[in-house]
Protein backbone atom coordinates (compact mmCIF):
# COMPACT_ATOMS: atom_id res chain seq x y z
CA MET A 1 71.39 74.77 46.41
CA ARG A 2 73.80 77.87 47.23
CA PHE A 3 75.05 78.19 50.47
CA THR A 4 76.70 81.98 52.30
CA ASN A 5 77.57 82.30 55.43
CA LEU A 6 76.73 85.72 56.90
CA THR A 7 78.57 85.06 60.22
CA ARG A 8 80.46 88.62 60.58
CA GLY A 9 83.89 87.14 61.83
CA ALA A 10 83.25 83.51 61.37
CA GLY A 11 83.54 81.69 64.10
CA ILE A 12 81.37 81.48 67.52
CA GLY A 13 79.64 84.64 67.38
CA SER A 14 76.40 86.13 65.26
CA ASN A 15 75.50 82.57 63.52
CA CYS A 16 73.67 82.67 60.52
CA TYR A 17 73.28 81.29 56.93
CA ARG A 18 71.32 81.64 54.18
CA LEU A 19 70.80 78.39 51.70
CA ASP A 20 69.43 79.32 48.46
CA LEU A 21 66.47 76.60 47.38
CA PRO A 22 64.77 76.18 43.84
CA GLU A 23 61.51 77.40 46.39
CA GLY A 24 63.28 80.49 47.63
CA ALA A 25 66.50 81.65 49.75
CA VAL A 26 65.77 80.21 53.34
CA ILE A 27 67.79 81.65 56.40
CA LEU A 28 69.27 79.45 58.86
CA ASP A 29 69.16 81.35 62.56
CA CYS A 30 70.20 84.78 63.08
CA GLY A 31 72.40 85.49 66.24
CA MET A 32 73.94 88.36 68.16
CA HIS A 33 77.38 88.16 69.08
CA PRO A 34 77.51 88.21 72.85
CA GLU A 35 80.53 90.22 73.47
CA HIS A 36 79.94 92.85 70.39
CA VAL A 37 77.98 95.76 70.55
CA GLY A 38 76.59 97.83 67.22
CA HIS A 39 76.79 96.81 63.47
CA ASP A 40 79.81 94.23 65.03
CA ALA A 41 77.29 92.37 66.90
CA THR A 42 75.11 91.22 64.02
CA PRO A 43 75.64 89.26 61.00
CA MET A 44 75.83 90.57 57.82
CA LEU A 45 72.04 91.51 57.24
CA GLU A 46 73.51 94.31 54.64
CA GLN A 47 73.65 91.33 52.12
CA LEU A 48 70.17 90.78 51.88
CA ASP A 49 69.45 94.27 51.25
CA ASP A 50 67.73 93.26 47.69
CA VAL A 51 66.49 89.64 48.69
CA THR A 52 63.25 88.31 49.42
CA ILE A 53 63.82 85.78 52.14
CA ARG A 54 61.18 82.53 51.91
CA SER A 55 61.55 81.63 55.41
CA THR A 56 63.52 81.33 58.69
CA ILE A 57 64.60 78.23 60.30
CA LEU A 58 65.78 79.11 64.27
CA THR A 59 67.49 75.81 66.06
CA HIS A 60 67.24 77.23 70.02
CA ALA A 61 67.32 80.52 71.41
CA HIS A 62 70.91 81.17 72.89
CA GLN A 63 71.61 84.75 72.08
CA ASP A 64 74.34 83.73 69.50
CA HIS A 65 71.55 81.93 67.05
CA VAL A 66 68.44 83.78 67.93
CA GLY A 67 69.84 87.73 69.10
CA CYS A 68 69.28 89.39 65.68
CA LEU A 69 65.83 87.64 65.04
CA PRO A 70 63.47 90.78 65.44
CA LEU A 71 66.13 92.56 63.46
CA LEU A 72 65.66 90.42 60.23
CA GLN A 73 61.94 90.15 60.65
CA SER A 74 61.79 93.79 60.10
CA GLN A 75 63.58 94.15 57.03
CA GLN A 76 61.46 90.42 55.97
CA ARG A 77 57.86 91.76 56.79
CA GLY A 78 55.66 88.72 56.38
CA MET A 79 58.36 86.03 56.66
CA PRO A 80 57.13 82.74 58.65
CA VAL A 81 60.37 81.70 61.26
CA LEU A 82 59.70 77.91 62.12
CA MET A 83 60.81 76.99 65.43
CA THR A 84 59.86 74.50 68.06
CA PRO A 85 57.49 75.23 71.21
CA GLY A 86 60.54 75.73 73.49
CA THR A 87 62.67 77.67 71.69
CA ALA A 88 59.50 80.04 71.37
CA ARG A 89 59.22 80.17 74.66
CA ILE A 90 62.42 80.56 75.64
CA ALA A 91 63.48 82.98 72.66
CA ASP A 92 60.45 85.67 73.61
CA ILE A 93 62.30 85.86 77.31
CA MET A 94 66.08 85.93 75.91
CA LEU A 95 64.62 88.87 73.23
CA HIS A 96 62.53 90.91 75.77
CA ASN A 97 66.08 90.53 78.16
CA SER A 98 68.54 91.75 75.14
CA VAL A 99 66.27 94.80 74.52
CA ASN A 100 66.91 95.78 78.52
CA VAL A 101 70.58 95.41 77.33
CA MET A 102 70.91 97.23 74.09
CA ILE A 103 68.85 100.01 76.17
CA ARG A 104 71.39 100.28 78.81
CA GLN A 105 74.26 99.85 76.15
CA GLN A 106 72.65 103.00 74.64
CA GLU A 107 73.28 104.59 77.60
CA GLU A 108 76.42 104.16 78.54
CA LEU A 109 78.26 103.66 74.98
CA LYS A 110 76.05 106.38 73.57
CA LEU A 111 75.24 104.07 70.84
CA SER A 112 73.42 105.76 68.22
CA ASP A 113 71.87 102.72 66.48
CA TYR A 114 71.13 100.95 69.38
CA PRO A 115 68.79 99.19 70.66
CA LEU A 116 68.55 97.60 67.21
CA PHE A 117 64.84 96.71 68.20
CA GLY A 118 62.35 97.56 71.02
CA HIS A 119 60.08 95.50 72.83
CA ARG A 120 57.21 95.95 70.26
CA GLY A 121 59.43 95.11 67.97
CA VAL A 122 60.01 91.69 69.79
CA GLU A 123 56.14 90.90 70.18
CA MET A 124 55.49 92.19 65.81
CA ALA A 125 57.95 89.65 65.49
CA SER A 126 56.48 87.04 67.51
CA ARG A 127 53.47 86.76 65.16
CA MET A 128 54.82 85.34 62.65
CA TRP A 129 56.75 82.73 64.36
CA ARG A 130 55.21 79.05 63.50
CA LEU A 131 55.44 76.46 66.33
CA CYS A 132 56.62 72.99 64.60
CA PRO A 133 56.90 69.29 66.02
CA LEU A 134 59.92 66.99 65.93
CA GLU A 135 60.71 64.50 63.04
CA ARG A 136 57.42 65.57 60.84
CA PRO A 137 58.38 67.00 57.41
CA LEU A 138 56.61 70.64 56.80
CA THR A 139 56.85 73.45 54.45
CA LEU A 140 58.50 76.57 54.19
CA ASP A 141 55.55 78.08 55.95
CA GLY A 142 55.40 75.67 58.41
CA ASP A 143 52.46 72.95 57.79
CA ARG A 144 52.32 69.48 57.07
CA ALA A 145 54.19 68.83 53.86
CA ALA A 146 52.00 66.43 51.91
CA ALA A 147 53.35 63.20 50.84
CA ALA A 148 55.64 62.65 47.86
CA ASP A 149 54.42 66.28 46.18
CA GLY A 150 58.07 67.34 45.16
CA SER A 151 58.30 70.29 47.74
CA THR A 152 60.88 71.40 49.65
CA THR A 153 60.39 70.16 53.67
CA VAL A 154 61.66 71.05 56.54
CA THR A 155 61.95 68.73 60.08
CA PHE A 156 63.20 69.01 63.11
CA HIS A 157 65.42 66.51 65.18
CA ASP A 158 66.34 66.44 68.24
CA ALA A 159 69.81 68.38 68.95
CA GLY A 160 70.33 67.37 72.81
CA HIS A 161 71.68 70.81 73.57
CA ILE A 162 69.19 72.90 75.52
CA LEU A 163 65.54 72.89 75.83
CA GLY A 164 63.87 72.98 72.41
CA SER A 165 66.92 73.00 70.67
CA THR A 166 67.45 70.82 67.03
CA GLY A 167 68.89 69.89 64.16
CA VAL A 168 67.47 70.44 60.60
CA MET A 169 66.88 68.65 57.77
CA VAL A 170 66.01 70.32 54.19
CA ARG A 171 65.12 68.23 51.48
CA SER A 172 64.97 69.97 48.30
CA GLY A 173 64.97 69.47 44.51
CA GLY A 174 66.11 65.89 45.48
CA LYS A 175 68.76 66.87 47.25
CA SER A 176 69.03 66.83 51.24
CA PHE A 177 70.75 69.39 53.40
CA PHE A 178 71.59 69.03 57.37
CA TYR A 179 71.94 71.53 59.66
CA THR A 180 73.42 70.43 62.99
CA GLY A 181 73.18 73.60 65.00
CA ASP A 182 74.48 72.85 68.49
CA VAL A 183 74.00 69.50 69.24
CA ASN A 184 75.26 67.31 72.23
CA PHE A 185 74.91 63.25 71.44
CA GLU A 186 75.54 62.54 75.39
CA ASP A 187 72.64 62.85 77.91
CA GLN A 188 72.91 65.57 80.35
CA THR A 189 71.41 65.65 83.72
CA ILE A 190 68.20 66.84 82.58
CA GLN A 191 68.73 67.36 78.66
CA LYS A 192 68.62 63.46 76.47
CA GLY A 193 71.42 63.30 74.10
CA ALA A 194 70.56 64.41 70.39
CA ARG A 195 68.32 62.09 68.14
CA PHE A 196 69.63 62.65 64.84
CA PRO A 197 68.40 60.82 60.71
CA GLU A 198 71.27 58.38 59.85
CA GLU A 199 71.10 58.26 56.61
CA PRO A 200 73.84 59.21 54.20
CA VAL A 201 73.13 63.16 53.15
CA ASP A 202 74.83 65.12 50.71
CA VAL A 203 75.32 68.24 52.56
CA LEU A 204 76.38 68.23 56.30
CA LEU A 205 76.32 72.10 58.02
CA MET A 206 78.39 70.75 60.95
CA GLU A 207 79.26 72.97 64.32
CA THR A 208 82.60 72.25 65.16
CA THR A 209 82.94 74.01 69.11
CA ARG A 210 84.87 72.00 70.78
CA GLY A 211 87.34 70.66 67.92
CA ASP A 212 90.56 72.22 69.90
CA ALA A 213 89.18 70.29 72.99
CA PRO A 214 90.59 66.98 73.78
CA LEU A 215 89.80 64.94 76.09
CA PRO A 216 92.34 63.08 78.64
CA GLU A 217 92.10 59.12 77.87
CA GLY A 218 89.26 57.89 80.57
CA PHE A 219 87.19 60.88 80.87
CA THR A 220 83.21 60.11 81.17
CA ARG A 221 80.82 62.68 81.91
CA ILE A 222 79.89 60.79 85.05
CA LYS A 223 82.98 61.03 86.42
CA GLU A 224 83.37 64.49 85.99
CA GLU A 225 80.38 64.98 87.72
CA GLU A 226 81.36 62.88 90.52
CA ARG A 227 84.90 65.16 90.55
CA PHE A 228 82.27 68.33 90.58
CA ALA A 229 80.68 66.98 93.69
CA LYS A 230 83.99 66.34 95.42
CA ALA A 231 85.01 69.41 95.14
CA VAL A 232 81.97 71.20 96.02
CA ALA A 233 81.86 69.49 99.04
CA ALA A 234 85.33 70.16 99.95
CA ALA A 235 84.53 73.61 99.33
CA LEU A 236 81.89 73.79 101.50
CA GLU A 237 83.61 71.65 104.30
CA THR A 238 86.15 74.87 104.75
CA GLY A 239 82.62 76.79 105.59
CA ALA A 240 83.22 78.95 102.36
CA SER A 241 80.69 79.61 99.24
CA VAL A 242 81.31 78.40 95.85
CA THR A 243 80.33 80.52 92.65
CA VAL A 244 79.64 78.80 89.41
CA PRO A 245 79.42 81.31 86.19
CA VAL A 246 77.01 79.91 83.85
CA PHE A 247 74.53 80.28 80.95
CA ALA A 248 71.10 81.81 82.07
CA LEU A 249 69.89 79.19 79.69
CA GLY A 250 70.29 75.44 79.42
CA LYS A 251 73.54 75.92 81.72
CA THR A 252 71.79 76.91 85.01
CA GLN A 253 69.06 74.57 84.96
CA GLU A 254 71.75 71.81 84.41
CA VAL A 255 73.48 72.54 86.95
CA MET A 256 70.69 73.16 89.27
CA ALA A 257 69.84 69.15 88.68
CA MET A 258 72.91 68.43 89.38
CA LEU A 259 72.97 69.77 93.00
CA TRP A 260 70.09 68.55 93.41
CA LYS A 261 70.51 64.92 92.77
CA MET A 262 74.07 65.38 94.49
CA GLN A 263 72.07 66.80 97.82
CA ARG A 264 69.72 63.19 97.33
CA GLU A 265 72.91 61.03 97.01
CA ARG A 266 74.12 62.65 99.84
CA LEU A 267 77.34 63.66 98.15
CA ILE A 268 77.13 67.51 99.14
CA PRO A 269 75.12 68.96 102.31
CA PRO A 270 71.98 70.53 101.69
CA THR A 271 73.20 74.18 100.70
CA PRO A 272 71.03 77.89 99.84
CA LEU A 273 71.43 78.24 96.07
CA TYR A 274 71.24 81.94 94.47
CA VAL A 275 70.32 82.15 90.84
CA GLY A 276 69.76 85.44 88.93
CA GLY A 277 66.21 86.81 87.49
CA LEU A 278 66.70 86.01 83.97
CA SER A 279 67.65 82.25 85.05
CA SER A 280 64.52 81.96 87.03
CA LYS A 281 62.32 82.61 84.41
CA ILE A 282 63.92 80.23 82.09
CA THR A 283 63.60 77.94 84.56
CA ALA A 284 60.18 78.34 85.08
CA VAL A 285 60.14 77.59 81.09
CA TYR A 286 61.48 73.98 81.53
CA ASP A 287 59.43 73.52 84.59
CA SER A 288 56.32 74.42 82.49
CA MET A 289 57.42 72.04 79.40
CA ALA A 290 58.86 68.89 81.58
CA GLY A 291 55.60 66.97 80.89
CA GLU A 292 55.85 68.25 76.88
CA VAL A 293 59.55 67.03 76.09
CA ALA A 294 61.60 63.84 76.12
CA ARG A 295 64.08 64.90 79.09
CA ASN A 296 65.65 62.97 82.02
CA LEU A 297 63.85 63.63 85.36
CA PRO A 298 60.78 64.27 83.97
CA HIS A 299 59.17 64.86 87.30
CA LEU A 300 61.61 67.51 88.77
CA ARG A 301 60.35 70.84 89.38
CA LEU A 302 63.69 73.14 89.87
CA MET A 303 62.01 75.90 91.13
CA ASN A 304 60.04 73.74 94.13
CA ASP A 305 62.16 71.21 94.48
CA VAL A 306 65.72 73.13 94.69
CA ALA A 307 64.41 76.30 95.82
CA PRO A 308 66.44 78.78 95.06
CA TYR A 309 66.69 82.09 96.26
CA VAL A 310 66.33 84.92 93.44
CA ALA A 311 68.93 87.57 93.26
CA GLY A 312 68.24 90.77 91.07
CA GLY A 313 70.03 93.23 88.70
CA SER A 314 70.40 95.42 91.85
CA GLU A 315 70.70 93.03 94.64
CA VAL A 316 73.66 91.62 93.53
CA GLN A 317 75.54 95.17 94.39
CA SER A 318 74.94 94.22 97.72
CA LEU A 319 75.30 90.53 98.38
CA ASN A 320 77.70 89.42 99.78
CA PRO A 321 79.32 85.58 99.51
CA ARG A 322 77.88 84.05 102.47
CA LYS A 323 79.29 80.84 104.40
CA ARG A 324 78.12 77.55 103.02
CA ALA A 325 76.24 78.67 100.15
CA ILE A 326 76.78 78.08 96.24
CA TYR A 327 75.94 80.67 93.89
CA ALA A 328 75.07 79.62 90.20
CA LEU A 329 75.22 83.27 88.17
CA SER A 330 75.23 84.06 84.98
CA SER A 331 76.69 84.75 82.32
CA GLY A 332 78.73 81.76 81.91
CA MET A 333 81.69 84.55 79.97
CA MET A 334 81.32 86.66 82.93
CA THR A 335 80.36 89.27 80.42
CA GLU A 336 80.66 93.07 81.81
CA HIS A 337 77.40 94.30 83.65
CA THR A 338 76.20 90.25 84.25
CA LEU A 339 75.85 89.16 87.34
CA SER A 340 78.79 86.74 87.56
CA ASN A 341 81.57 89.54 86.57
CA ILE A 342 79.93 92.09 89.24
CA PHE A 343 80.12 89.16 91.77
CA ALA A 344 83.36 88.08 91.16
CA ARG A 345 84.80 91.46 91.94
CA LYS A 346 83.84 90.10 95.36
CA VAL A 347 85.27 86.21 94.67
CA LEU A 348 88.55 86.99 93.04
CA PRO A 349 90.29 88.35 95.77
CA ASP A 350 89.11 86.57 98.69
CA PRO A 351 91.81 83.19 99.44
CA SER A 352 88.84 81.73 101.41
CA GLN A 353 86.29 81.87 97.93
CA PHE A 354 86.14 78.90 95.53
CA LEU A 355 85.41 79.50 91.85
CA PHE A 356 84.04 76.61 89.36
CA PHE A 357 84.19 76.56 85.67
CA VAL A 358 81.55 73.87 84.05
CA GLY A 359 81.37 75.34 80.56
CA TYR A 360 83.02 76.40 77.47
CA ALA A 361 84.46 80.43 78.15
CA ASP A 362 85.90 82.28 74.91
CA PRO A 363 89.40 83.36 75.65
CA ASN A 364 88.73 86.76 75.50
CA SER A 365 86.25 87.08 77.70
CA PRO A 366 86.43 87.66 81.40
CA ALA A 367 85.74 84.14 82.36
CA GLY A 368 88.50 83.33 79.99
CA VAL A 369 90.87 85.69 80.74
CA VAL A 370 90.51 84.09 84.75
CA ARG A 371 90.39 80.93 83.58
CA ASN A 372 94.13 81.50 81.70
CA ALA A 373 95.20 83.65 84.82
CA THR A 374 98.02 82.92 87.09
CA GLN A 375 97.37 82.81 90.96
CA GLY A 376 98.39 86.19 91.95
CA ASP A 377 98.01 88.01 89.04
CA HIS A 378 95.36 91.70 88.43
CA VAL A 379 93.11 90.36 85.93
CA GLN A 380 90.95 93.13 84.13
CA ILE A 381 87.71 91.85 84.08
CA ASP A 382 85.50 94.94 82.96
CA SER A 383 86.69 98.21 80.61
CA LYS A 384 86.18 100.77 83.42
CA GLY A 385 87.19 99.04 86.94
CA ALA A 386 90.22 98.49 88.38
CA ALA A 387 92.04 95.16 88.06
CA VAL A 388 91.17 92.67 90.39
CA PRO A 389 93.73 90.34 92.33
CA PHE A 390 92.93 86.77 91.42
CA LEU A 391 94.07 84.92 95.06
CA CYS A 392 90.41 82.47 95.20
CA HIS A 393 90.58 78.96 94.44
CA ARG A 394 89.52 78.12 90.63
CA GLU A 395 88.72 74.56 89.17
CA SER A 396 87.63 73.95 85.59
CA PHE A 397 84.77 71.03 85.21
CA THR A 398 84.02 69.67 81.21
CA LEU A 399 80.35 69.69 81.58
CA SER A 400 79.87 70.89 78.59
CA ALA A 401 76.67 70.96 76.41
CA HIS A 402 78.39 71.06 72.81
CA ALA A 403 79.38 67.40 71.28
CA ARG A 404 82.42 66.38 72.18
CA ARG A 405 84.60 66.44 68.60
CA GLU A 406 85.48 62.60 68.60
CA ASP A 407 81.41 61.96 68.43
CA LEU A 408 80.81 64.57 65.93
CA LEU A 409 83.38 63.18 63.70
CA SER A 410 82.21 60.00 64.39
CA TYR A 411 78.74 61.06 63.17
CA ALA A 412 79.82 62.45 59.94
CA ILE A 413 81.71 59.27 58.80
CA LYS A 414 78.26 57.66 59.27
CA ILE A 415 76.19 59.86 57.17
CA ARG A 416 78.90 60.63 54.70
CA PRO A 417 77.74 63.67 52.95
CA LYS A 418 79.39 64.88 49.93
CA THR A 419 80.10 67.93 51.34
CA ILE A 420 81.12 69.10 54.43
CA LEU A 421 80.83 72.71 55.61
CA LEU A 422 82.06 73.45 58.85
CA VAL A 423 81.32 76.50 61.21
CA HIS A 424 80.49 77.74 65.07
CA GLY A 425 84.48 76.98 65.94
CA ASP A 426 87.57 79.14 66.30
CA ASP A 427 90.28 78.17 63.86
CA PRO A 428 91.79 75.44 65.53
CA ALA A 429 88.72 73.50 66.04
CA VAL A 430 88.09 73.69 62.28
CA GLU A 431 91.60 72.70 61.36
CA TRP A 432 91.27 69.90 63.49
CA PHE A 433 87.82 68.61 62.11
CA LYS A 434 89.63 69.39 58.42
CA ARG A 435 92.53 67.49 59.15
CA GLU A 436 90.57 64.76 60.60
CA LEU A 437 87.57 64.32 57.96
CA TYR A 438 90.25 64.65 54.88
CA SER A 439 91.55 61.52 56.10
CA ALA A 440 88.43 59.38 57.40
CA LEU A 441 85.95 60.68 54.31
CA PRO A 442 88.64 61.19 51.18
CA GLU A 443 86.15 61.45 48.75
CA THR A 444 83.78 64.29 50.65
CA LYS A 445 84.43 68.21 49.77
CA VAL A 446 84.94 69.53 53.33
CA ILE A 447 85.16 73.48 53.32
CA ALA A 448 85.17 76.03 56.20
CA PRO A 449 83.05 79.02 54.21
CA PRO A 450 84.40 82.35 54.68
CA PRO A 451 82.06 85.56 55.43
CA GLY A 452 79.61 86.72 52.66
CA GLN A 453 81.07 84.30 49.73
CA ALA A 454 78.72 82.52 48.43
CA ILE A 455 79.48 78.57 47.72
CA GLU A 456 77.49 76.57 44.78
CA LEU A 457 76.77 72.70 46.57
């Protein structure tokens, strides 16, 4: 086996990895950096110019894992792409939305190479997607593997991150390679925790997103949800509105389910909820697949039972914060031109408004800037508009869809891999895992693979 990190610039962004096997090269994920544009947003696909890729394996449909998949497929005609049915349903929505975003960026930024692919490209790419069940060994074509024939097998395991998310076990030439993808071992409101294999493996490719996020002593998700409920209730009691920047995929649906439970338990009053158009499309997939996947609240249908108002892109320009309303708007990082960024310009200067963060935000993103700002500062949340005074109430909650660092560390210790590859984290996060793994598993080789360099496994 040989491994190459193709994530341009490493960290959390255009996640993409090459794994060379006896049966050929395999790609694991092919993302687009959500905050970069043009060449800088893509993986290092130029390293594949003279290479035929046998197969691509997709762990889930977040933009930083799926966003450049049609670009890769256009360069590798006829290549099968393996993913779960949930990932396929959502990836189709996410990629068509990405085309619309790239078209707008091309017009605004005069990018000659945009869009990287069009709607027709997404449609053509999806013809090679192979829908794969969980916990069943498959061939690199997505067919059911024959028993004990010695060929390479791929097995998907529920990663507990979002609908359709998986970790992937690859067995080839008598060796085992497990990729966590984005994982959460803890139950969320809808999403059940990961169900990963626990037998020893030769190589573990592991995300490190929350490696630099220590939790206070005694922290539990249940307590944090209770703290969130009390904060929402207190804000609504003042007659104000609450704005929650969320990712359209995953976080929106979790927040909707949390609010539904809080209202049923009378922790908060019945309150109008606003979500974006992309969020509503993805939520409809969650609803339609509720009976097909393992999840909590299997009978909850969010679009019917929560019945949110859907705010489109043009409507948000004229939408003003209502009294006693909740706005769960994407994106979670308040990226420029998204609903949460546009709406924040109305919320930030208003001392009566409440802004609640519930998940990860890159420190350099607009959400990261606001989270780290001091009350009274002027904050720059887009490149063209003037800085906005930060006067609203702000609070942050730890309701992440990524595993706690302690849980990932425990998993690595349990399966005792011979080699661990650390990816999908900033430098402090990776360094924490290095220190802890060196101490807990002194015989294990721990590597933070630099972009573009092949590593013999």
